Amino acid sequence: VSFPNFGFWRMRLDLLINGRMPSTENLPYRWHDTPNIHFCTI
């Protein structure tokens, strides 16, 4: 199994600073149009 780690420090920082669900180059979707429904951390 391979998966994106939602506990990655950039994700945490983006959520902390901007107060919004992170959107990055590798996870470009916005919260309302993402196919990812069960984000998890390592």
PDB file of all heavy atoms in Angstrom:
ATOM      1  N   VAL A   1       0.849  -1.190   0.000  1.00  0.00           N
ATOM      2  CA  VAL A   1       0.000   0.000   0.000  1.00  0.00           C
ATOM      3  C   VAL A   1       0.887   1.242   0.000  1.00  0.00           C
ATOM      4  O   VAL A   1       1.805   1.357   0.818  1.00  0.00           O
ATOM      5  CB  VAL A   1      -0.925   0.039   1.236  1.00  0.00           C
ATOM      6  CG1 VAL A   1      -1.823   1.271   1.192  1.00  0.00           C
ATOM      7  CG2 VAL A   1      -1.761  -1.235   1.325  1.00  0.00           C
ATOM      8  N   SER A   2       0.611   2.170  -0.918  1.00  0.00           N
ATOM      9  CA  SER A   2       1.257   3.483  -0.874  1.00  0.00           C
ATOM     10  C   SER A   2       0.173   4.542  -0.760  1.00  0.00           C
ATOM     11  O   SER A   2      -0.938   4.373  -1.278  1.00  0.00           O
ATOM     12  CB  SER A   2       2.118   3.727  -2.122  1.00  0.00           C
ATOM     13  OG  SER A   2       1.327   3.918  -3.275  1.00  0.00           O
ATOM     14  N   PHE A   3       0.489   5.627  -0.072  1.00  0.00           N
ATOM     15  CA  PHE A   3      -0.514   6.666   0.147  1.00  0.00           C
ATOM     16  C   PHE A   3       0.156   7.993   0.493  1.00  0.00           C
ATOM     17  O   PHE A   3       1.285   8.018   1.008  1.00  0.00           O
ATOM     18  CB  PHE A   3      -1.473   6.259   1.284  1.00  0.00           C
ATOM     19  CG  PHE A   3      -0.784   5.972   2.596  1.00  0.00           C
ATOM     20  CD1 PHE A   3      -0.614   6.969   3.551  1.00  0.00           C
ATOM     21  CD2 PHE A   3      -0.298   4.703   2.876  1.00  0.00           C
ATOM     22  CE1 PHE A   3       0.027   6.708   4.756  1.00  0.00           C
ATOM     23  CE2 PHE A   3       0.346   4.427   4.075  1.00  0.00           C
ATOM     24  CZ  PHE A   3       0.509   5.430   5.016  1.00  0.00           C
ATOM     25  N   PRO A   4      -0.544   9.113   0.232  1.00  0.00           N
ATOM     26  CA  PRO A   4      -0.031  10.417   0.653  1.00  0.00           C
ATOM     27  C   PRO A   4      -0.228  10.586   2.150  1.00  0.00           C
ATOM     28  O   PRO A   4      -1.266  10.191   2.692  1.00  0.00           O
ATOM     29  CB  PRO A   4      -0.890  11.407  -0.138  1.00  0.00           C
ATOM     30  CG  PRO A   4      -2.159  10.674  -0.390  1.00  0.00           C
ATOM     31  CD  PRO A   4      -1.784   9.229  -0.545  1.00  0.00           C
ATOM     32  N   ASN A   5       0.764  11.143   2.827  1.00  0.00           N
ATOM     33  CA  ASN A   5       0.724  11.307   4.276  1.00  0.00           C
ATOM     34  C   ASN A   5       0.190  12.687   4.637  1.00  0.00           C
ATOM     35  O   ASN A   5       0.850  13.699   4.413  1.00  0.00           O
ATOM     36  CB  ASN A   5       2.134  11.116   4.848  1.00  0.00           C
ATOM     37  CG  ASN A   5       2.195  11.457   6.328  1.00  0.00           C
ATOM     38  OD1 ASN A   5       1.244  11.228   7.071  1.00  0.00           O
ATOM     39  ND2 ASN A   5       3.317  12.005   6.763  1.00  0.00           N
ATOM     40  N   PHE A   6      -1.015  12.718   5.202  1.00  0.00           N
ATOM     41  CA  PHE A   6      -1.621  13.996   5.549  1.00  0.00           C
ATOM     42  C   PHE A   6      -1.008  14.592   6.814  1.00  0.00           C
ATOM     43  O   PHE A   6      -1.314  15.728   7.181  1.00  0.00           O
ATOM     44  CB  PHE A   6      -3.141  13.836   5.727  1.00  0.00           C
ATOM     45  CG  PHE A   6      -3.909  15.098   5.502  1.00  0.00           C
ATOM     46  CD1 PHE A   6      -4.014  15.648   4.237  1.00  0.00           C
ATOM     47  CD2 PHE A   6      -4.520  15.746   6.550  1.00  0.00           C
ATOM     48  CE1 PHE A   6      -4.724  16.824   4.021  1.00  0.00           C
ATOM     49  CE2 PHE A   6      -5.230  16.928   6.353  1.00  0.00           C
ATOM     50  CZ  PHE A   6      -5.335  17.464   5.076  1.00  0.00           C
ATOM     51  N   GLY A   7      -0.123  13.846   7.484  1.00  0.00           N
ATOM     52  CA  GLY A   7       0.580  14.380   8.642  1.00  0.00           C
ATOM     53  C   GLY A   7       1.880  15.083   8.285  1.00  0.00           C
ATOM     54  O   GLY A   7       2.608  15.538   9.184  1.00  0.00           O
ATOM     55  N   PHE A   8       2.186  15.167   6.986  1.00  0.00           N
ATOM     56  CA  PHE A   8       3.396  15.832   6.507  1.00  0.00           C
ATOM     57  C   PHE A   8       3.440  17.277   7.013  1.00  0.00           C
ATOM     58  O   PHE A   8       2.422  17.966   7.062  1.00  0.00           O
ATOM     59  CB  PHE A   8       3.397  15.796   4.976  1.00  0.00           C
ATOM     60  CG  PHE A   8       4.598  16.383   4.318  1.00  0.00           C
ATOM     61  CD1 PHE A   8       5.880  16.027   4.694  1.00  0.00           C
ATOM     62  CD2 PHE A   8       4.453  17.295   3.279  1.00  0.00           C
ATOM     63  CE1 PHE A   8       6.995  16.554   4.067  1.00  0.00           C
ATOM     64  CE2 PHE A   8       5.558  17.828   2.636  1.00  0.00           C
ATOM     65  CZ  PHE A   8       6.833  17.463   3.029  1.00  0.00           C
ATOM     66  N   TRP A   9       4.632  17.745   7.372  1.00  0.00           N
ATOM     67  CA  TRP A   9       4.755  19.039   8.054  1.00  0.00           C
ATOM     68  C   TRP A   9       4.199  20.197   7.239  1.00  0.00           C
ATOM     69  O   TRP A   9       3.635  21.137   7.818  1.00  0.00           O
ATOM     70  CB  TRP A   9       6.216  19.297   8.421  1.00  0.00           C
ATOM     71  CG  TRP A   9       7.143  19.600   7.272  1.00  0.00           C
ATOM     72  CD1 TRP A   9       7.886  18.702   6.571  1.00  0.00           C
ATOM     73  CD2 TRP A   9       7.424  20.888   6.707  1.00  0.00           C
ATOM     74  NE1 TRP A   9       8.609  19.339   5.594  1.00  0.00           N
ATOM     75  CE2 TRP A   9       8.355  20.682   5.658  1.00  0.00           C
ATOM     76  CE3 TRP A   9       6.990  22.180   6.978  1.00  0.00           C
ATOM     77  CZ2 TRP A   9       8.848  21.734   4.884  1.00  0.00           C
ATOM     78  CZ3 TRP A   9       7.478  23.237   6.203  1.00  0.00           C
ATOM     79  CH2 TRP A   9       8.401  22.998   5.178  1.00  0.00           C
ATOM     80  N   ARG A  10       4.314  20.149   5.924  1.00  0.00           N
ATOM     81  CA  ARG A  10       3.782  21.248   5.110  1.00  0.00           C
ATOM     82  C   ARG A  10       2.251  21.294   5.177  1.00  0.00           C
ATOM     83  O   ARG A  10       1.648  22.373   5.135  1.00  0.00           O
ATOM     84  CB  ARG A  10       4.241  21.107   3.666  1.00  0.00           C
ATOM     85  CG  ARG A  10       5.714  21.431   3.466  1.00  0.00           C
ATOM     86  CD  ARG A  10       6.101  21.368   2.009  1.00  0.00           C
ATOM     87  NE  ARG A  10       7.512  21.682   1.826  1.00  0.00           N
ATOM     88  CZ  ARG A  10       8.162  21.588   0.666  1.00  0.00           C
ATOM     89  NH1 ARG A  10       7.513  21.199  -0.413  1.00  0.00           N
ATOM     90  NH2 ARG A  10       9.449  21.882   0.586  1.00  0.00           N
ATOM     91  N   MET A  11       1.632  20.121   5.259  1.00  0.00           N
ATOM     92  CA  MET A  11       0.177  20.063   5.416  1.00  0.00           C
ATOM     93  C   MET A  11      -0.238  20.700   6.744  1.00  0.00           C
ATOM     94  O   MET A  11      -1.177  21.493   6.812  1.00  0.00           O
ATOM     95  CB  MET A  11      -0.296  18.608   5.371  1.00  0.00           C
ATOM     96  CG  MET A  11      -0.056  17.908   4.061  1.00  0.00           C
ATOM     97  SD  MET A  11      -1.222  18.467   2.814  1.00  0.00           S
ATOM     98  CE  MET A  11      -1.016  17.172   1.605  1.00  0.00           C
ATOM     99  N   ARG A  12       0.467  20.321   7.797  1.00  0.00           N
ATOM    100  CA  ARG A  12       0.146  20.854   9.122  1.00  0.00           C
ATOM    101  C   ARG A  12       0.318  22.374   9.160  1.00  0.00           C
ATOM    102  O   ARG A  12      -0.526  23.096   9.702  1.00  0.00           O
ATOM    103  CB  ARG A  12       1.057  20.220  10.178  1.00  0.00           C
ATOM    104  CG  ARG A  12       0.994  18.713  10.260  1.00  0.00           C
ATOM    105  CD  ARG A  12       1.783  18.230  11.445  1.00  0.00           C
ATOM    106  NE  ARG A  12       2.042  16.800  11.395  1.00  0.00           N
ATOM    107  CZ  ARG A  12       2.442  16.090  12.435  1.00  0.00           C
ATOM    108  NH1 ARG A  12       2.633  16.685  13.600  1.00  0.00           N
ATOM    109  NH2 ARG A  12       2.659  14.788  12.326  1.00  0.00           N
ATOM    110  N   LEU A  13       1.409  22.852   8.562  1.00  0.00           N
ATOM    111  CA  LEU A  13       1.703  24.285   8.590  1.00  0.00           C
ATOM    112  C   LEU A  13       0.659  25.071   7.799  1.00  0.00           C
ATOM    113  O   LEU A  13       0.205  26.135   8.234  1.00  0.00           O
ATOM    114  CB  LEU A  13       3.100  24.534   8.030  1.00  0.00           C
ATOM    115  CG  LEU A  13       3.616  25.975   8.097  1.00  0.00           C
ATOM    116  CD1 LEU A  13       3.714  26.443   9.546  1.00  0.00           C
ATOM    117  CD2 LEU A  13       4.982  26.083   7.406  1.00  0.00           C
ATOM    118  N   ASP A  14       0.278  24.531   6.649  1.00  0.00           N
ATOM    119  CA  ASP A  14      -0.706  25.217   5.813  1.00  0.00           C
ATOM    120  C   ASP A  14      -2.045  25.323   6.540  1.00  0.00           C
ATOM    121  O   ASP A  14      -2.705  26.361   6.521  1.00  0.00           O
ATOM    122  CB  ASP A  14      -0.882  24.451   4.504  1.00  0.00           C
ATOM    123  CG  ASP A  14      -1.664  25.241   3.470  1.00  0.00           C
ATOM    124  OD1 ASP A  14      -1.558  26.478   3.471  1.00  0.00           O
ATOM    125  OD2 ASP A  14      -2.385  24.621   2.674  1.00  0.00           O
ATOM    126  N   LEU A  15      -2.440  24.235   7.217  1.00  0.00           N
ATOM    127  CA  LEU A  15      -3.697  24.249   7.956  1.00  0.00           C
ATOM    128  C   LEU A  15      -3.620  25.209   9.144  1.00  0.00           C
ATOM    129  O   LEU A  15      -4.571  25.937   9.441  1.00  0.00           O
ATOM    130  CB  LEU A  15      -4.028  22.833   8.432  1.00  0.00           C
ATOM    131  CG  LEU A  15      -5.374  22.624   9.129  1.00  0.00           C
ATOM    132  CD1 LEU A  15      -6.517  23.012   8.203  1.00  0.00           C
ATOM    133  CD2 LEU A  15      -5.519  21.169   9.565  1.00  0.00           C
ATOM    134  N   LEU A  16      -2.459  25.245   9.797  1.00  0.00           N
ATOM    135  CA  LEU A  16      -2.287  26.113  10.959  1.00  0.00           C
ATOM    136  C   LEU A  16      -2.312  27.587  10.571  1.00  0.00           C
ATOM    137  O   LEU A  16      -2.984  28.403  11.206  1.00  0.00           O
ATOM    138  CB  LEU A  16      -0.954  25.787  11.656  1.00  0.00           C
ATOM    139  CG  LEU A  16      -0.576  26.665  12.853  1.00  0.00           C
ATOM    140  CD1 LEU A  16      -1.567  26.472  13.997  1.00  0.00           C
ATOM    141  CD2 LEU A  16       0.853  26.336  13.309  1.00  0.00           C
ATOM    142  N   ILE A  17      -1.602  27.935   9.498  1.00  0.00           N
ATOM    143  CA  ILE A  17      -1.473  29.337   9.114  1.00  0.00           C
ATOM    144  C   ILE A  17      -2.715  29.854   8.391  1.00  0.00           C
ATOM    145  O   ILE A  17      -3.230  30.932   8.700  1.00  0.00           O
ATOM    146  CB  ILE A  17      -0.220  29.541   8.242  1.00  0.00           C
ATOM    147  CG1 ILE A  17       1.045  29.280   9.059  1.00  0.00           C
ATOM    148  CG2 ILE A  17      -0.195  30.955   7.655  1.00  0.00           C
ATOM    149  CD1 ILE A  17       2.325  29.367   8.257  1.00  0.00           C
ATOM    150  N   ASN A  18      -3.207  29.061   7.428  1.00  0.00           N
ATOM    151  CA  ASN A  18      -4.304  29.535   6.591  1.00  0.00           C
ATOM    152  C   ASN A  18      -5.689  29.135   7.107  1.00  0.00           C
ATOM    153  O   ASN A  18      -6.691  29.722   6.698  1.00  0.00           O
ATOM    154  CB  ASN A  18      -4.137  29.013   5.160  1.00  0.00           C
ATOM    155  CG  ASN A  18      -2.877  29.546   4.495  1.00  0.00           C
ATOM    156  OD1 ASN A  18      -2.549  30.717   4.630  1.00  0.00           O
ATOM    157  ND2 ASN A  18      -2.165  28.689   3.788  1.00  0.00           N
ATOM    158  N   GLY A  19      -5.734  28.120   7.966  1.00  0.00           N
ATOM    159  CA  GLY A  19      -7.016  27.694   8.507  1.00  0.00           C
ATOM    160  C   GLY A  19      -7.921  27.039   7.485  1.00  0.00           C
ATOM    161  O   GLY A  19      -9.137  26.994   7.659  1.00  0.00           O
ATOM    162  N   ARG A  20      -7.340  26.509   6.419  1.00  0.00           N
ATOM    163  CA  ARG A  20      -8.094  25.842   5.363  1.00  0.00           C
ATOM    164  C   ARG A  20      -7.484  24.478   5.068  1.00  0.00           C
ATOM    165  O   ARG A  20      -6.310  24.246   5.321  1.00  0.00           O
ATOM    166  CB  ARG A  20      -8.099  26.682   4.081  1.00  0.00           C
ATOM    167  CG  ARG A  20      -8.806  28.024   4.215  1.00  0.00           C
ATOM    168  CD  ARG A  20      -8.709  28.800   2.926  1.00  0.00           C
ATOM    169  NE  ARG A  20      -9.425  30.067   3.010  1.00  0.00           N
ATOM    170  CZ  ARG A  20      -9.445  30.975   2.037  1.00  0.00           C
ATOM    171  NH1 ARG A  20      -8.782  30.751   0.918  1.00  0.00           N
ATOM    172  NH2 ARG A  20     -10.121  32.094   2.202  1.00  0.00           N
ATOM    173  N   MET A  21      -8.295  23.586   4.488  1.00  0.00           N
ATOM    174  CA  MET A  21      -7.772  22.289   4.095  1.00  0.00           C
ATOM    175  C   MET A  21      -6.656  22.497   3.070  1.00  0.00           C
ATOM    176  O   MET A  21      -6.845  23.251   2.102  1.00  0.00           O
ATOM    177  CB  MET A  21      -8.872  21.414   3.506  1.00  0.00           C
ATOM    178  CG  MET A  21      -9.943  21.052   4.527  1.00  0.00           C
ATOM    179  SD  MET A  21      -9.278  20.179   5.975  1.00  0.00           S
ATOM    180  CE  MET A  21      -8.783  18.628   5.233  1.00  0.00           C
ATOM    181  N   PRO A  22      -5.495  21.891   3.277  1.00  0.00           N
ATOM    182  CA  PRO A  22      -4.339  22.132   2.410  1.00  0.00           C
ATOM    183  C   PRO A  22      -4.581  21.705   0.968  1.00  0.00           C
ATOM    184  O   PRO A  22      -5.258  20.720   0.695  1.00  0.00           O
ATOM    185  CB  PRO A  22      -3.241  21.281   3.059  1.00  0.00           C
ATOM    186  CG  PRO A  22      -3.693  21.080   4.459  1.00  0.00           C
ATOM    187  CD  PRO A  22      -5.184  21.006   4.402  1.00  0.00           C
ATOM    188  N   SER A  23      -4.000  22.461   0.059  1.00  0.00           N
ATOM    189  CA  SER A  23      -3.980  22.124  -1.357  1.00  0.00           C
ATOM    190  C   SER A  23      -2.550  22.335  -1.838  1.00  0.00           C
ATOM    191  O   SER A  23      -2.027  23.451  -1.761  1.00  0.00           O
ATOM    192  CB  SER A  23      -4.948  23.008  -2.143  1.00  0.00           C
ATOM    193  OG  SER A  23      -4.905  22.711  -3.521  1.00  0.00           O
ATOM    194  N   THR A  24      -1.903  21.265  -2.284  1.00  0.00           N
ATOM    195  CA  THR A  24      -0.506  21.331  -2.672  1.00  0.00           C
ATOM    196  C   THR A  24      -0.330  20.838  -4.103  1.00  0.00           C
ATOM    197  O   THR A  24      -1.279  20.391  -4.749  1.00  0.00           O
ATOM    198  CB  THR A  24       0.365  20.466  -1.741  1.00  0.00           C
ATOM    199  OG1 THR A  24       0.025  19.078  -1.950  1.00  0.00           O
ATOM    200  CG2 THR A  24       0.121  20.820  -0.281  1.00  0.00           C
ATOM    201  N   GLU A  25       0.908  20.883  -4.594  1.00  0.00           N
ATOM    202  CA  GLU A  25       1.208  20.411  -5.947  1.00  0.00           C
ATOM    203  C   GLU A  25       0.875  18.933  -6.076  1.00  0.00           C
ATOM    204  O   GLU A  25       0.379  18.482  -7.109  1.00  0.00           O
ATOM    205  CB  GLU A  25       2.681  20.658  -6.268  1.00  0.00           C
ATOM    206  CG  GLU A  25       3.083  20.222  -7.667  1.00  0.00           C
ATOM    207  CD  GLU A  25       4.537  20.519  -7.977  1.00  0.00           C
ATOM    208  OE1 GLU A  25       5.194  21.195  -7.164  1.00  0.00           O
ATOM    209  OE2 GLU A  25       5.012  20.072  -9.033  1.00  0.00           O
ATOM    210  N   ASN A  26       1.148  18.168  -5.032  1.00  0.00           N
ATOM    211  CA  ASN A  26       0.897  16.734  -5.077  1.00  0.00           C
ATOM    212  C   ASN A  26      -0.522  16.362  -4.668  1.00  0.00           C
ATOM    213  O   ASN A  26      -0.989  15.264  -4.971  1.00  0.00           O
ATOM    214  CB  ASN A  26       1.901  16.000  -4.173  1.00  0.00           C
ATOM    215  CG  ASN A  26       3.285  15.974  -4.782  1.00  0.00           C
ATOM    216  OD1 ASN A  26       3.437  15.813  -5.986  1.00  0.00           O
ATOM    217  ND2 ASN A  26       4.299  16.152  -3.959  1.00  0.00           N
ATOM    218  N   LEU A  27      -1.199  17.248  -3.955  1.00  0.00           N
ATOM    219  CA  LEU A  27      -2.608  17.058  -3.607  1.00  0.00           C
ATOM    220  C   LEU A  27      -3.349  18.332  -4.027  1.00  0.00           C
ATOM    221  O   LEU A  27      -3.688  19.172  -3.201  1.00  0.00           O
ATOM    222  CB  LEU A  27      -2.763  16.812  -2.102  1.00  0.00           C
ATOM    223  CG  LEU A  27      -2.395  15.424  -1.595  1.00  0.00           C
ATOM    224  CD1 LEU A  27      -2.371  15.408  -0.073  1.00  0.00           C
ATOM    225  CD2 LEU A  27      -3.367  14.381  -2.117  1.00  0.00           C
ATOM    226  N   PRO A  28      -3.589  18.498  -5.318  1.00  0.00           N
ATOM    227  CA  PRO A  28      -4.081  19.771  -5.840  1.00  0.00           C
ATOM    228  C   PRO A  28      -5.572  20.023  -5.658  1.00  0.00           C
ATOM    229  O   PRO A  28      -6.030  21.136  -5.911  1.00  0.00           O
ATOM    230  CB  PRO A  28      -3.743  19.671  -7.333  1.00  0.00           C
ATOM    231  CG  PRO A  28      -3.819  18.207  -7.625  1.00  0.00           C
ATOM    232  CD  PRO A  28      -3.320  17.524  -6.386  1.00  0.00           C
ATOM    233  N   TYR A  29      -6.313  18.999  -5.257  1.00  0.00           N
ATOM    234  CA  TYR A  29      -7.766  19.169  -5.169  1.00  0.00           C
ATOM    235  C   TYR A  29      -8.171  20.080  -4.011  1.00  0.00           C
ATOM    236  O   TYR A  29      -7.505  20.157  -2.983  1.00  0.00           O
ATOM    237  CB  TYR A  29      -8.444  17.806  -4.968  1.00  0.00           C
ATOM    238  CG  TYR A  29      -8.163  16.806  -6.048  1.00  0.00           C
ATOM    239  CD1 TYR A  29      -7.246  15.777  -5.845  1.00  0.00           C
ATOM    240  CD2 TYR A  29      -8.806  16.885  -7.281  1.00  0.00           C
ATOM    241  CE1 TYR A  29      -6.989  14.846  -6.832  1.00  0.00           C
ATOM    242  CE2 TYR A  29      -8.548  15.962  -8.279  1.00  0.00           C
ATOM    243  CZ  TYR A  29      -7.639  14.942  -8.048  1.00  0.00           C
ATOM    244  OH  TYR A  29      -7.381  14.023  -9.030  1.00  0.00           O
ATOM    245  N   ARG A  30      -9.300  20.756  -4.183  1.00  0.00           N
ATOM    246  CA  ARG A  30      -9.902  21.507  -3.097  1.00  0.00           C
ATOM    247  C   ARG A  30     -10.823  20.581  -2.304  1.00  0.00           C
ATOM    248  O   ARG A  30     -11.208  19.516  -2.789  1.00  0.00           O
ATOM    249  CB  ARG A  30     -10.673  22.706  -3.653  1.00  0.00           C
ATOM    250  CG  ARG A  30      -9.770  23.746  -4.321  1.00  0.00           C
ATOM    251  CD  ARG A  30     -10.591  24.761  -5.085  1.00  0.00           C
ATOM    252  NE  ARG A  30     -11.292  24.130  -6.204  1.00  0.00           N
ATOM    253  CZ  ARG A  30     -12.159  24.760  -7.000  1.00  0.00           C
ATOM    254  NH1 ARG A  30     -12.428  26.038  -6.779  1.00  0.00           N
ATOM    255  NH2 ARG A  30     -12.745  24.126  -7.983  1.00  0.00           N
ATOM    256  N   TRP A  31     -11.192  20.999  -1.105  1.00  0.00           N
ATOM    257  CA  TRP A  31     -11.925  20.111  -0.211  1.00  0.00           C
ATOM    258  C   TRP A  31     -13.241  19.637  -0.805  1.00  0.00           C
ATOM    259  O   TRP A  31     -13.679  18.506  -0.548  1.00  0.00           O
ATOM    260  CB  TRP A  31     -12.188  20.797   1.134  1.00  0.00           C
ATOM    261  CG  TRP A  31     -13.167  21.942   1.062  1.00  0.00           C
ATOM    262  CD1 TRP A  31     -12.887  23.251   0.828  1.00  0.00           C
ATOM    263  CD2 TRP A  31     -14.583  21.857   1.206  1.00  0.00           C
ATOM    264  NE1 TRP A  31     -14.038  24.000   0.820  1.00  0.00           N
ATOM    265  CE2 TRP A  31     -15.108  23.173   1.051  1.00  0.00           C
ATOM    266  CE3 TRP A  31     -15.477  20.815   1.461  1.00  0.00           C
ATOM    267  CZ2 TRP A  31     -16.462  23.457   1.130  1.00  0.00           C
ATOM    268  CZ3 TRP A  31     -16.835  21.106   1.543  1.00  0.00           C
ATOM    269  CH2 TRP A  31     -17.320  22.408   1.387  1.00  0.00           C
ATOM    270  N   HIS A  32     -13.870  20.437  -1.665  1.00  0.00           N
ATOM    271  CA  HIS A  32     -15.193  20.083  -2.156  1.00  0.00           C
ATOM    272  C   HIS A  32     -15.190  19.308  -3.467  1.00  0.00           C
ATOM    273  O   HIS A  32     -16.240  18.837  -3.908  1.00  0.00           O
ATOM    274  CB  HIS A  32     -16.059  21.348  -2.322  1.00  0.00           C
ATOM    275  CG  HIS A  32     -15.463  22.368  -3.242  1.00  0.00           C
ATOM    276  ND1 HIS A  32     -15.592  22.312  -4.606  1.00  0.00           N
ATOM    277  CD2 HIS A  32     -14.720  23.473  -2.977  1.00  0.00           C
ATOM    278  CE1 HIS A  32     -14.960  23.344  -5.154  1.00  0.00           C
ATOM    279  NE2 HIS A  32     -14.419  24.058  -4.184  1.00  0.00           N
ATOM    280  N   ASP A  33     -14.017  19.167  -4.117  1.00  0.00           N
ATOM    281  CA  ASP A  33     -13.995  18.413  -5.360  1.00  0.00           C
ATOM    282  C   ASP A  33     -12.957  17.285  -5.349  1.00  0.00           C
ATOM    283  O   ASP A  33     -12.668  16.688  -6.383  1.00  0.00           O
ATOM    284  CB  ASP A  33     -13.759  19.340  -6.561  1.00  0.00           C
ATOM    285  CG  ASP A  33     -12.411  20.059  -6.510  1.00  0.00           C
ATOM    286  OD1 ASP A  33     -11.593  19.757  -5.617  1.00  0.00           O
ATOM    287  OD2 ASP A  33     -12.169  20.928  -7.368  1.00  0.00           O
ATOM    288  N   THR A  34     -12.423  16.983  -4.181  1.00  0.00           N
ATOM    289  CA  THR A  34     -11.406  15.931  -4.098  1.00  0.00           C
ATOM    290  C   THR A  34     -12.022  14.537  -4.116  1.00  0.00           C
ATOM    291  O   THR A  34     -13.070  14.313  -3.508  1.00  0.00           O
ATOM    292  CB  THR A  34     -10.546  16.096  -2.822  1.00  0.00           C
ATOM    293  OG1 THR A  34      -9.590  15.024  -2.778  1.00  0.00           O
ATOM    294  CG2 THR A  34     -11.400  16.044  -1.561  1.00  0.00           C
ATOM    295  N   PRO A  35     -11.389  13.586  -4.813  1.00  0.00           N
ATOM    296  CA  PRO A  35     -11.830  12.191  -4.747  1.00  0.00           C
ATOM    297  C   PRO A  35     -11.332  11.504  -3.473  1.00  0.00           C
ATOM    298  O   PRO A  35     -11.738  10.384  -3.165  1.00  0.00           O
ATOM    299  CB  PRO A  35     -11.203  11.568  -5.991  1.00  0.00           C
ATOM    300  CG  PRO A  35      -9.960  12.369  -6.202  1.00  0.00           C
ATOM    301  CD  PRO A  35     -10.303  13.778  -5.782  1.00  0.00           C
ATOM    302  N   ASN A  36     -10.436  12.175  -2.749  1.00  0.00           N
ATOM    303  CA  ASN A  36      -9.869  11.606  -1.528  1.00  0.00           C
ATOM    304  C   ASN A  36     -10.811  11.867  -0.359  1.00  0.00           C
ATOM    305  O   ASN A  36     -11.010  13.006   0.039  1.00  0.00           O
ATOM    306  CB  ASN A  36      -8.492  12.217  -1.251  1.00  0.00           C
ATOM    307  CG  ASN A  36      -7.533  11.998  -2.403  1.00  0.00           C
ATOM    308  OD1 ASN A  36      -7.461  10.904  -2.955  1.00  0.00           O
ATOM    309  ND2 ASN A  36      -6.804  13.037  -2.785  1.00  0.00           N
ATOM    310  N   ILE A  37     -11.384  10.807   0.193  1.00  0.00           N
ATOM    311  CA  ILE A  37     -12.400  10.963   1.230  1.00  0.00           C
ATOM    312  C   ILE A  37     -11.947  10.471   2.601  1.00  0.00           C
ATOM    313  O   ILE A  37     -12.620  10.716   3.595  1.00  0.00           O
ATOM    314  CB  ILE A  37     -13.706  10.243   0.838  1.00  0.00           C
ATOM    315  CG1 ILE A  37     -13.450   8.753   0.569  1.00  0.00           C
ATOM    316  CG2 ILE A  37     -14.329  10.914  -0.378  1.00  0.00           C
ATOM    317  CD1 ILE A  37     -14.708   7.973   0.238  1.00  0.00           C
ATOM    318  N   HIS A  38     -10.822   9.763   2.663  1.00  0.00           N
ATOM    319  CA  HIS A  38     -10.320   9.259   3.940  1.00  0.00           C
ATOM    320  C   HIS A  38      -8.827   9.566   4.066  1.00  0.00           C
ATOM    321  O   HIS A  38      -7.999   8.674   3.992  1.00  0.00           O
ATOM    322  CB  HIS A  38     -10.551   7.751   4.072  1.00  0.00           C
ATOM    323  CG  HIS A  38     -11.971   7.361   4.304  1.00  0.00           C
ATOM    324  ND1 HIS A  38     -12.658   7.687   5.447  1.00  0.00           N
ATOM    325  CD2 HIS A  38     -12.851   6.683   3.529  1.00  0.00           C
ATOM    326  CE1 HIS A  38     -13.892   7.213   5.383  1.00  0.00           C
ATOM    327  NE2 HIS A  38     -14.040   6.607   4.226  1.00  0.00           N
ATOM    328  N   PHE A  39      -8.500  10.828   4.258  1.00  0.00           N
ATOM    329  CA  PHE A  39      -7.101  11.184   4.476  1.00  0.00           C
ATOM    330  C   PHE A  39      -6.584  10.489   5.730  1.00  0.00           C
ATOM    331  O   PHE A  39      -7.295  10.383   6.732  1.00  0.00           O
ATOM    332  CB  PHE A  39      -6.952  12.689   4.657  1.00  0.00           C
ATOM    333  CG  PHE A  39      -7.088  13.468   3.377  1.00  0.00           C
ATOM    334  CD1 PHE A  39      -8.175  14.296   3.165  1.00  0.00           C
ATOM    335  CD2 PHE A  39      -6.120  13.361   2.396  1.00  0.00           C
ATOM    336  CE1 PHE A  39      -8.296  15.021   1.991  1.00  0.00           C
ATOM    337  CE2 PHE A  39      -6.237  14.085   1.217  1.00  0.00           C
ATOM    338  CZ  PHE A  39      -7.322  14.908   1.013  1.00  0.00           C
ATOM    339  N   CYS A  40      -5.345  10.032   5.679  1.00  0.00           N
ATOM    340  CA  CYS A  40      -4.746   9.426   6.867  1.00  0.00           C
ATOM    341  C   CYS A  40      -3.282   9.826   6.951  1.00  0.00           C
ATOM    342  O   CYS A  40      -2.695  10.312   5.976  1.00  0.00           O
ATOM    343  CB  CYS A  40      -4.892   7.908   6.854  1.00  0.00           C
ATOM    344  SG  CYS A  40      -3.841   7.045   5.662  1.00  0.00           S
ATOM    345  N   THR A  41      -2.713   9.620   8.117  1.00  0.00           N
ATOM    346  CA  THR A  41      -1.293   9.857   8.328  1.00  0.00           C
ATOM    347  C   THR A  41      -0.576   8.512   8.411  1.00  0.00           C
ATOM    348  O   THR A  41      -1.209   7.458   8.461  1.00  0.00           O
ATOM    349  CB  THR A  41      -1.063  10.641   9.630  1.00  0.00           C
ATOM    350  OG1 THR A  41      -1.391   9.788  10.745  1.00  0.00           O
ATOM    351  CG2 THR A  41      -1.921  11.898   9.679  1.00  0.00           C
ATOM    352  N   ILE A  42       0.731   8.563   8.437  1.00  0.00           N
ATOM    353  CA  ILE A  42       1.502   7.323   8.578  1.00  0.00           C
ATOM    354  C   ILE A  42       1.157   6.631   9.886  1.00  0.00           C
ATOM    355  O   ILE A  42       0.985   5.411   9.932  1.00  0.00           O
ATOM    356  CB  ILE A  42       3.008   7.622   8.478  1.00  0.00           C
ATOM    357  CG1 ILE A  42       3.374   8.021   7.040  1.00  0.00           C
ATOM    358  CG2 ILE A  42       3.843   6.420   8.921  1.00  0.00           C
ATOM    359  CD1 ILE A  42       4.804   8.462   6.845  1.00  0.00           C
TER     360      ILE A  42
END
